[in-house]
PDB file of N, CA and C in Angstrom:
ATOM      1  N   MET A   1      50.939  -5.549  35.487  1.00  0.00           N
ATOM      2  CA  MET A   1      49.925  -6.576  35.401  1.00  0.00           C
ATOM      3  C   MET A   1      48.544  -5.988  35.689  1.00  0.00           C
ATOM      4  N   SER A   2      48.479  -5.051  36.594  1.00  0.00           N
ATOM      5  CA  SER A   2      47.227  -4.417  36.972  1.00  0.00           C
ATOM      6  C   SER A   2      46.595  -3.681  35.786  1.00  0.00           C
ATOM      7  N   VAL A   3      47.440  -3.087  34.961  1.00  0.00           N
ATOM      8  CA  VAL A   3      46.939  -2.344  33.789  1.00  0.00           C
ATOM      9  C   VAL A   3      46.251  -3.294  32.813  1.00  0.00           C
ATOM     10  N   ILE A   4      46.802  -4.453  32.622  1.00  0.00           N
ATOM     11  CA  ILE A   4      46.216  -5.431  31.698  1.00  0.00           C
ATOM     12  C   ILE A   4      44.852  -5.894  32.216  1.00  0.00           C
ATOM     13  N   VAL A   5      44.733  -6.139  33.485  1.00  0.00           N
ATOM     14  CA  VAL A   5      43.472  -6.581  34.070  1.00  0.00           C
ATOM     15  C   VAL A   5      42.410  -5.502  33.912  1.00  0.00           C
ATOM     16  N   TRP A   6      42.750  -4.259  34.256  1.00  0.00           N
ATOM     17  CA  TRP A   6      41.786  -3.166  34.137  1.00  0.00           C
ATOM     18  C   TRP A   6      41.430  -2.885  32.674  1.00  0.00           C
ATOM     19  N   SER A   7      42.402  -2.999  31.790  1.00  0.00           N
ATOM     20  CA  SER A   7      42.120  -2.805  30.358  1.00  0.00           C
ATOM     21  C   SER A   7      41.170  -3.887  29.851  1.00  0.00           C
ATOM     22  N   SER A   8      41.402  -5.112  30.267  1.00  0.00           N
ATOM     23  CA  SER A   8      40.515  -6.210  29.869  1.00  0.00           C
ATOM     24  C   SER A   8      39.106  -6.001  30.417  1.00  0.00           C
ATOM     25  N   ALA A   9      39.035  -5.550  31.654  1.00  0.00           N
ATOM     26  CA  ALA A   9      37.726  -5.285  32.254  1.00  0.00           C
ATOM     27  C   ALA A   9      37.011  -4.165  31.503  1.00  0.00           C
ATOM     28  N   LEU A  10      37.730  -3.135  31.113  1.00  0.00           N
ATOM     29  CA  LEU A  10      37.137  -2.027  30.367  1.00  0.00           C
ATOM     30  C   LEU A  10      36.636  -2.484  28.996  1.00  0.00           C
ATOM     31  N   VAL A  11      37.422  -3.282  28.313  1.00  0.00           N
ATOM     32  CA  VAL A  11      37.013  -3.801  27.007  1.00  0.00           C
ATOM     33  C   VAL A  11      35.770  -4.671  27.160  1.00  0.00           C
ATOM     34  N   ALA A  12      35.744  -5.530  28.172  1.00  0.00           N
ATOM     35  CA  ALA A  12      34.576  -6.381  28.411  1.00  0.00           C
ATOM     36  C   ALA A  12      33.346  -5.528  28.720  1.00  0.00           C
ATOM     37  N   PHE A  13      33.523  -4.507  29.538  1.00  0.00           N
ATOM     38  CA  PHE A  13      32.421  -3.598  29.862  1.00  0.00           C
ATOM     39  C   PHE A  13      31.883  -2.909  28.607  1.00  0.00           C
ATOM     40  N   LEU A  14      32.772  -2.458  27.734  1.00  0.00           N
ATOM     41  CA  LEU A  14      32.349  -1.793  26.494  1.00  0.00           C
ATOM     42  C   LEU A  14      31.614  -2.753  25.568  1.00  0.00           C
ATOM     43  N   VAL A  15      32.093  -3.971  25.460  1.00  0.00           N
ATOM     44  CA  VAL A  15      31.429  -4.959  24.602  1.00  0.00           C
ATOM     45  C   VAL A  15      30.036  -5.277  25.136  1.00  0.00           C
ATOM     46  N   ILE A  16      29.921  -5.491  26.434  1.00  0.00           N
ATOM     47  CA  ILE A  16      28.617  -5.772  27.040  1.00  0.00           C
ATOM     48  C   ILE A  16      27.679  -4.579  26.867  1.00  0.00           C
ATOM     49  N   GLY A  17      28.206  -3.372  27.042  1.00  0.00           N
ATOM     50  CA  GLY A  17      27.397  -2.169  26.839  1.00  0.00           C
ATOM     51  C   GLY A  17      26.901  -2.051  25.407  1.00  0.00           C
ATOM     52  N   PHE A  18      27.768  -2.343  24.450  1.00  0.00           N
ATOM     53  CA  PHE A  18      27.374  -2.288  23.045  1.00  0.00           C
ATOM     54  C   PHE A  18      26.256  -3.286  22.750  1.00  0.00           C
ATOM     55  N   VAL A  19      26.393  -4.501  23.273  1.00  0.00           N
ATOM     56  CA  VAL A  19      25.369  -5.529  23.049  1.00  0.00           C
ATOM     57  C   VAL A  19      24.041  -5.100  23.668  1.00  0.00           C
ATOM     58  N   LEU A  20      24.082  -4.545  24.869  1.00  0.00           N
ATOM     59  CA  LEU A  20      22.850  -4.090  25.516  1.00  0.00           C
ATOM     60  C   LEU A  20      22.190  -2.954  24.742  1.00  0.00           C
ATOM     61  N   VAL A  21      22.975  -1.983  24.291  1.00  0.00           N
ATOM     62  CA  VAL A  21      22.416  -0.869  23.527  1.00  0.00           C
ATOM     63  C   VAL A  21      21.807  -1.373  22.219  1.00  0.00           C
ATOM     64  N   ALA A  22      22.486  -2.292  21.542  1.00  0.00           N
ATOM     65  CA  ALA A  22      21.956  -2.846  20.294  1.00  0.00           C
ATOM     66  C   ALA A  22      20.637  -3.579  20.536  1.00  0.00           C
ATOM     67  N   ALA A  23      20.553  -4.319  21.643  1.00  0.00           N
ATOM     68  CA  ALA A  23      19.317  -5.049  21.951  1.00  0.00           C
ATOM     69  C   ALA A  23      18.177  -4.088  22.247  1.00  0.00           C
ATOM     70  N   VAL A  24      18.455  -3.026  22.985  1.00  0.00           N
ATOM     71  CA  VAL A  24      17.417  -2.046  23.301  1.00  0.00           C
ATOM     72  C   VAL A  24      16.951  -1.336  22.035  1.00  0.00           C
ATOM     73  N   LYS A  25      17.877  -0.959  21.180  1.00  0.00           N
ATOM     74  CA  LYS A  25      17.496  -0.297  19.921  1.00  0.00           C
ATOM     75  C   LYS A  25      16.637  -1.213  19.061  1.00  0.00           C
ATOM     76  N   LYS A  26      17.000  -2.493  18.987  1.00  0.00           N
ATOM     77  CA  LYS A  26      16.209  -3.433  18.189  1.00  0.00           C
ATOM     78  C   LYS A  26      14.810  -3.575  18.765  1.00  0.00           C
ATOM     79  N   ARG A  27      14.722  -3.670  20.080  1.00  0.00           N
ATOM     80  CA  ARG A  27      13.410  -3.810  20.718  1.00  0.00           C
ATOM     81  C   ARG A  27      12.553  -2.572  20.490  1.00  0.00           C
ATOM     82  N   MET A  28      13.161  -1.397  20.578  1.00  0.00           N
ATOM     83  CA  MET A  28      12.418  -0.158  20.345  1.00  0.00           C
ATOM     84  C   MET A  28      11.947  -0.083  18.900  1.00  0.00           C
ATOM     85  N   ARG A  29      12.779  -0.488  17.969  1.00  0.00           N
ATOM     86  CA  ARG A  29      12.407  -0.465  16.554  1.00  0.00           C
ATOM     87  C   ARG A  29      11.264  -1.441  16.308  1.00  0.00           C
ATOM     88  N   ASP A  30      11.327  -2.622  16.915  1.00  0.00           N
ATOM     89  CA  ASP A  30      10.254  -3.609  16.766  1.00  0.00           C
ATOM     90  C   ASP A  30       8.959  -3.097  17.382  1.00  0.00           C
ATOM     91  N   ASP A  31       9.042  -2.397  18.518  1.00  0.00           N
ATOM     92  CA  ASP A  31       7.850  -1.830  19.147  1.00  0.00           C
ATOM     93  C   ASP A  31       7.226  -0.764  18.269  1.00  0.00           C
ATOM     94  N   ASP A  32       8.063   0.047  17.584  1.00  0.00           N
ATOM     95  CA  ASP A  32       7.549   1.085  16.698  1.00  0.00           C
ATOM     96  C   ASP A  32       6.780   0.473  15.535  1.00  0.00           C
ATOM     97  N   VAL A  33       7.274  -0.613  15.022  1.00  0.00           N
ATOM     98  CA  VAL A  33       6.619  -1.259  13.882  1.00  0.00           C
ATOM     99  C   VAL A  33       5.280  -1.835  14.293  1.00  0.00           C
ATOM    100  N   SER A  34       5.203  -2.401  15.492  1.00  0.00           N
ATOM    101  CA  SER A  34       3.964  -3.046  15.905  1.00  0.00           C
ATOM    102  C   SER A  34       3.020  -2.120  16.655  1.00  0.00           C
ATOM    103  N   ALA A  35       3.408  -0.855  16.854  1.00  0.00           N
ATOM    104  CA  ALA A  35       2.545   0.073  17.589  1.00  0.00           C
ATOM    105  C   ALA A  35       1.299   0.370  16.767  1.00  0.00           C
ATOM    106  N   PRO A  36       0.132   0.367  17.412  1.00  0.00           N
ATOM    107  CA  PRO A  36      -1.086   0.647  16.663  1.00  0.00           C
ATOM    108  C   PRO A  36      -1.141   2.109  16.249  1.00  0.00           C
ATOM    109  N   GLY A  37      -1.605   2.345  15.066  1.00  0.00           N
ATOM    110  CA  GLY A  37      -1.747   3.691  14.553  1.00  0.00           C
ATOM    111  C   GLY A  37      -2.733   3.686  13.421  1.00  0.00           C
ATOM    112  N   ALA A  38      -3.108   4.855  12.962  1.00  0.00           N
ATOM    113  CA  ALA A  38      -4.118   4.934  11.914  1.00  0.00           C
ATOM    114  C   ALA A  38      -3.657   4.233  10.646  1.00  0.00           C
ATOM    115  N   ALA A  39      -2.419   4.472  10.242  1.00  0.00           N
ATOM    116  CA  ALA A  39      -1.951   3.881   9.002  1.00  0.00           C
ATOM    117  C   ALA A  39      -1.338   2.502   9.224  1.00  0.00           C
ATOM    118  N   ALA A  40      -0.811   2.262  10.410  1.00  0.00           N
ATOM    119  CA  ALA A  40      -0.087   1.021  10.639  1.00  0.00           C
ATOM    120  C   ALA A  40      -1.008  -0.132  11.038  1.00  0.00           C
ATOM    121  N   GLY A  41      -2.087   0.157  11.757  1.00  0.00           N
ATOM    122  CA  GLY A  41      -2.872  -0.922  12.310  1.00  0.00           C
ATOM    123  C   GLY A  41      -4.170  -1.213  11.586  1.00  0.00           C
ATOM    124  N   PHE A  42      -4.605  -0.332  10.727  1.00  0.00           N
ATOM    125  CA  PHE A  42      -5.898  -0.510  10.082  1.00  0.00           C
ATOM    126  C   PHE A  42      -5.763  -0.415   8.575  1.00  0.00           C
ATOM    127  N   SER A  43      -6.484  -1.270   7.903  1.00  0.00           N
ATOM    128  CA  SER A  43      -6.606  -1.143   6.453  1.00  0.00           C
ATOM    129  C   SER A  43      -7.939  -0.450   6.180  1.00  0.00           C
ATOM    130  N   LEU A  44      -8.155  -0.071   4.938  1.00  0.00           N
ATOM    131  CA  LEU A  44      -9.427   0.568   4.597  1.00  0.00           C
ATOM    132  C   LEU A  44     -10.601  -0.371   4.846  1.00  0.00           C
ATOM    133  N   SER A  45     -10.395  -1.647   4.597  1.00  0.00           N
ATOM    134  CA  SER A  45     -11.507  -2.583   4.843  1.00  0.00           C
ATOM    135  C   SER A  45     -11.801  -2.704   6.336  1.00  0.00           C
ATOM    136  N   ASP A  46     -10.755  -2.629   7.179  1.00  0.00           N
ATOM    137  CA  ASP A  46     -10.987  -2.632   8.634  1.00  0.00           C
ATOM    138  C   ASP A  46     -11.801  -1.409   9.040  1.00  0.00           C
ATOM    139  N   LEU A  47     -11.445  -0.253   8.485  1.00  0.00           N
ATOM    140  CA  LEU A  47     -12.177   0.973   8.801  1.00  0.00           C
ATOM    141  C   LEU A  47     -13.628   0.884   8.343  1.00  0.00           C
ATOM    142  N   ARG A  48     -13.835   0.362   7.146  1.00  0.00           N
ATOM    143  CA  ARG A  48     -15.205   0.226   6.641  1.00  0.00           C
ATOM    144  C   ARG A  48     -16.032  -0.675   7.556  1.00  0.00           C
ATOM    145  N   GLN A  49     -15.416  -1.747   8.030  1.00  0.00           N
ATOM    146  CA  GLN A  49     -16.126  -2.661   8.908  1.00  0.00           C
ATOM    147  C   GLN A  49     -16.470  -1.975  10.230  1.00  0.00           C
ATOM    148  N   LEU A  50     -15.523  -1.237  10.803  1.00  0.00           N
ATOM    149  CA  LEU A  50     -15.804  -0.499  12.042  1.00  0.00           C
ATOM    150  C   LEU A  50     -16.922   0.517  11.832  1.00  0.00           C
ATOM    151  N   HIS A  51     -16.902   1.172  10.678  1.00  0.00           N
ATOM    152  CA  HIS A  51     -17.919   2.175  10.356  1.00  0.00           C
ATOM    153  C   HIS A  51     -19.292   1.516  10.216  1.00  0.00           C
ATOM    154  N   ARG A  52     -19.353   0.394   9.511  1.00  0.00           N
ATOM    155  CA  ARG A  52     -20.618  -0.318   9.337  1.00  0.00           C
ATOM    156  C   ARG A  52     -21.181  -0.819  10.658  1.00  0.00           C
ATOM    157  N   GLN A  53     -20.285  -1.214  11.561  1.00  0.00           N
ATOM    158  CA  GLN A  53     -20.723  -1.714  12.858  1.00  0.00           C
ATOM    159  C   GLN A  53     -21.094  -0.582  13.811  1.00  0.00           C
ATOM    160  N   GLY A  54     -20.840   0.652  13.408  1.00  0.00           N
ATOM    161  CA  GLY A  54     -21.187   1.795  14.235  1.00  0.00           C
ATOM    162  C   GLY A  54     -20.176   2.109  15.324  1.00  0.00           C
ATOM    163  N   GLN A  55     -19.006   1.527  15.232  1.00  0.00           N
ATOM    164  CA  GLN A  55     -17.986   1.766  16.243  1.00  0.00           C
ATOM    165  C   GLN A  55     -17.254   3.085  16.029  1.00  0.00           C
ATOM    166  N   ILE A  56     -17.280   3.605  14.799  1.00  0.00           N
ATOM    167  CA  ILE A  56     -16.715   4.923  14.526  1.00  0.00           C
ATOM    168  C   ILE A  56     -17.735   5.739  13.742  1.00  0.00           C
ATOM    169  N   SER A  57     -17.682   7.049  13.934  1.00  0.00           N
ATOM    170  CA  SER A  57     -18.641   7.931  13.267  1.00  0.00           C
ATOM    171  C   SER A  57     -18.206   8.188  11.824  1.00  0.00           C
ATOM    172  N   ASP A  58     -19.103   8.845  11.065  1.00  0.00           N
ATOM    173  CA  ASP A  58     -18.779   9.211   9.685  1.00  0.00           C
ATOM    174  C   ASP A  58     -17.545  10.095   9.638  1.00  0.00           C
ATOM    175  N   ASP A  59     -17.485  11.063  10.552  1.00  0.00           N
ATOM    176  CA  ASP A  59     -16.356  11.990  10.583  1.00  0.00           C
ATOM    177  C   ASP A  59     -15.053  11.269  10.917  1.00  0.00           C
ATOM    178  N   GLU A  60     -15.080  10.383  11.893  1.00  0.00           N
ATOM    179  CA  GLU A  60     -13.888   9.617  12.263  1.00  0.00           C
ATOM    180  C   GLU A  60     -13.444   8.729  11.105  1.00  0.00           C
ATOM    181  N   PHE A  61     -14.409   8.128  10.432  1.00  0.00           N
ATOM    182  CA  PHE A  61     -14.097   7.277   9.280  1.00  0.00           C
ATOM    183  C   PHE A  61     -13.395   8.078   8.196  1.00  0.00           C
ATOM    184  N   GLU A  62     -13.924   9.246   7.864  1.00  0.00           N
ATOM    185  CA  GLU A  62     -13.329  10.076   6.808  1.00  0.00           C
ATOM    186  C   GLU A  62     -11.918  10.533   7.179  1.00  0.00           C
ATOM    187  N   ARG A  63     -11.746  10.952   8.439  1.00  0.00           N
ATOM    188  CA  ARG A  63     -10.404  11.401   8.871  1.00  0.00           C
ATOM    189  C   ARG A  63      -9.399  10.258   8.805  1.00  0.00           C
ATOM    190  N   ALA A  64      -9.772   9.088   9.290  1.00  0.00           N
ATOM    191  CA  ALA A  64      -8.869   7.937   9.271  1.00  0.00           C
ATOM    192  C   ALA A  64      -8.577   7.506   7.845  1.00  0.00           C
ATOM    193  N   LYS A  65      -9.594   7.536   6.992  1.00  0.00           N
ATOM    194  CA  LYS A  65      -9.411   7.164   5.590  1.00  0.00           C
ATOM    195  C   LYS A  65      -8.424   8.106   4.908  1.00  0.00           C
ATOM    196  N   GLU A  66      -8.563   9.400   5.166  1.00  0.00           N
ATOM    197  CA  GLU A  66      -7.637  10.377   4.578  1.00  0.00           C
ATOM    198  C   GLU A  66      -6.210  10.159   5.073  1.00  0.00           C
ATOM    199  N   LYS A  67      -6.054   9.804   6.349  1.00  0.00           N
ATOM    200  CA  LYS A  67      -4.710   9.539   6.881  1.00  0.00           C
ATOM    201  C   LYS A  67      -4.087   8.329   6.200  1.00  0.00           C
ATOM    202  N   ILE A  68      -4.870   7.283   6.031  1.00  0.00           N
ATOM    203  CA  ILE A  68      -4.347   6.071   5.390  1.00  0.00           C
ATOM    204  C   ILE A  68      -3.989   6.349   3.940  1.00  0.00           C
ATOM    205  N   ILE A  69      -4.867   7.036   3.235  1.00  0.00           N
ATOM    206  CA  ILE A  69      -4.606   7.352   1.830  1.00  0.00           C
ATOM    207  C   ILE A  69      -3.393   8.271   1.713  1.00  0.00           C
ATOM    208  N   GLY A  70      -3.292   9.258   2.603  1.00  0.00           N
ATOM    209  CA  GLY A  70      -2.141  10.168   2.593  1.00  0.00           C
ATOM    210  C   GLY A  70      -0.835   9.437   2.861  1.00  0.00           C
ATOM    211  N   ALA A  71      -0.856   8.510   3.810  1.00  0.00           N
ATOM    212  CA  ALA A  71       0.354   7.743   4.115  1.00  0.00           C
ATOM    213  C   ALA A  71       0.740   6.856   2.934  1.00  0.00           C
ATOM    214  N   ALA A  72      -0.255   6.278   2.271  1.00  0.00           N
ATOM    215  CA  ALA A  72       0.028   5.432   1.109  1.00  0.00           C
ATOM    216  C   ALA A  72       0.621   6.263  -0.028  1.00  0.00           C
ATOM    217  N   LYS A  73       0.068   7.448  -0.254  1.00  0.00           N
ATOM    218  CA  LYS A  73       0.603   8.324  -1.308  1.00  0.00           C
ATOM    219  C   LYS A  73       2.016   8.767  -0.975  1.00  0.00           C
ATOM    220  N   LYS A  74       2.251   9.110   0.297  1.00  0.00           N
ATOM    221  CA  LYS A  74       3.586   9.538   0.717  1.00  0.00           C
ATOM    222  C   LYS A  74       4.589   8.404   0.509  1.00  0.00           C
ATOM    223  N   GLY A  75       4.197   7.180   0.872  1.00  0.00           N
ATOM    224  CA  GLY A  75       5.070   6.033   0.668  1.00  0.00           C
ATOM    225  C   GLY A  75       5.335   5.767  -0.798  1.00  0.00           C
ATOM    226  N   ALA A  76       4.311   5.939  -1.626  1.00  0.00           N
ATOM    227  CA  ALA A  76       4.478   5.727  -3.061  1.00  0.00           C
ATOM    228  C   ALA A  76       5.414   6.776  -3.646  1.00  0.00           C
ATOM    229  N   ARG A  77       5.262   8.032  -3.202  1.00  0.00           N
ATOM    230  CA  ARG A  77       6.163   9.091  -3.689  1.00  0.00           C
ATOM    231  C   ARG A  77       7.594   8.822  -3.258  1.00  0.00           C
ATOM    232  N   ALA A  78       7.782   8.387  -2.015  1.00  0.00           N
ATOM    233  CA  ALA A  78       9.130   8.106  -1.517  1.00  0.00           C
ATOM    234  C   ALA A  78       9.768   6.974  -2.316  1.00  0.00           C
ATOM    235  N   ASN A  79       8.977   5.954  -2.641  1.00  0.00           N
ATOM    236  CA  ASN A  79       9.517   4.850  -3.437  1.00  0.00           C
ATOM    237  C   ASN A  79       9.799   5.276  -4.864  1.00  0.00           C
ATOM    238  N   ALA A  80       8.993   6.190  -5.397  1.00  0.00           N
ATOM    239  CA  ALA A  80       9.203   6.653  -6.766  1.00  0.00           C
ATOM    240  C   ALA A  80      10.452   7.518  -6.861  1.00  0.00           C
ATOM    241  N   LEU A  81      10.748   8.258  -5.804  1.00  0.00           N
ATOM    242  CA  LEU A  81      11.914   9.132  -5.807  1.00  0.00           C
ATOM    243  C   LEU A  81      13.201   8.399  -5.478  1.00  0.00           C
ATOM    244  N   LYS A  82      13.078   7.192  -4.946  1.00  0.00           N
ATOM    245  CA  LYS A  82      14.251   6.429  -4.575  1.00  0.00           C
ATOM    246  C   LYS A  82      14.972   5.974  -5.846  1.00  0.00           C
ATOM    247  N   PRO A  83      16.277   6.214  -5.929  1.00  0.00           N
ATOM    248  CA  PRO A  83      16.991   5.770  -7.137  1.00  0.00           C
ATOM    249  C   PRO A  83      16.987   4.249  -7.229  1.00  0.00           C
ATOM    250  N   PRO A  84      16.866   3.749  -8.445  1.00  0.00           N
ATOM    251  CA  PRO A  84      16.834   2.295  -8.594  1.00  0.00           C
ATOM    252  C   PRO A  84      18.176   1.691  -8.164  1.00  0.00           C
ATOM    253  N   GLU A  85      18.085   0.531  -7.543  1.00  0.00           N
ATOM    254  CA  GLU A  85      19.299  -0.156  -7.118  1.00  0.00           C
ATOM    255  C   GLU A  85      19.953  -0.765  -8.338  1.00  0.00           C
ATOM    256  N   GLU A  86      21.259  -0.602  -8.375  1.00  0.00           N
ATOM    257  CA  GLU A  86      21.985  -1.169  -9.512  1.00  0.00           C
ATOM    258  C   GLU A  86      22.047  -2.675  -9.361  1.00  0.00           C
ATOM    259  N   GLU A  87      21.738  -3.327 -10.455  1.00  0.00           N
ATOM    260  CA  GLU A  87      21.836  -4.782 -10.437  1.00  0.00           C
ATOM    261  C   GLU A  87      23.229  -5.162 -10.898  1.00  0.00           C
ATOM    262  N   ILE A  88      23.827  -6.039 -10.142  1.00  0.00           N
ATOM    263  CA  ILE A  88      25.167  -6.499 -10.491  1.00  0.00           C
ATOM    264  C   ILE A  88      25.011  -7.795 -11.265  1.00  0.00           C
ATOM    265  N   ALA A  89      25.511  -7.775 -12.490  1.00  0.00           N
ATOM    266  CA  ALA A  89      25.407  -8.956 -13.336  1.00  0.00           C
ATOM    267  C   ALA A  89      26.415  -9.993 -12.868  1.00  0.00           C
ATOM    268  N   PRO A  90      25.994 -11.244 -12.819  1.00  0.00           N
ATOM    269  CA  PRO A  90      26.939 -12.290 -12.410  1.00  0.00           C
ATOM    270  C   PRO A  90      28.067 -12.418 -13.439  1.00  0.00           C
ATOM    271  N   PRO A  91      29.251 -12.743 -12.989  1.00  0.00           N
ATOM    272  CA  PRO A  91      30.404 -12.834 -13.927  1.00  0.00           C
ATOM    273  C   PRO A  91      30.287 -13.981 -14.876  1.00  0.00           C
TER     274      PRO A  91
END
């Protein structure tokens, strides 16, 4: 009888651990998406506005613009290289 109790406790512990790990991974992934960054948090129009307001220098504006453009090109290349998903025709 003792073996069944300990086995049940172990299974419950593993299930709870799995749920906790999944929740932490989801939270970390969500934090990565919302983390501010040159390409993630600013659009070119945001950068232009900061530049016009004098909050960033010409050099900072150019560097940030190149990062955003580079990230957009990289994303476009990755999408272009991705094989098209097969469409399944309804029966």
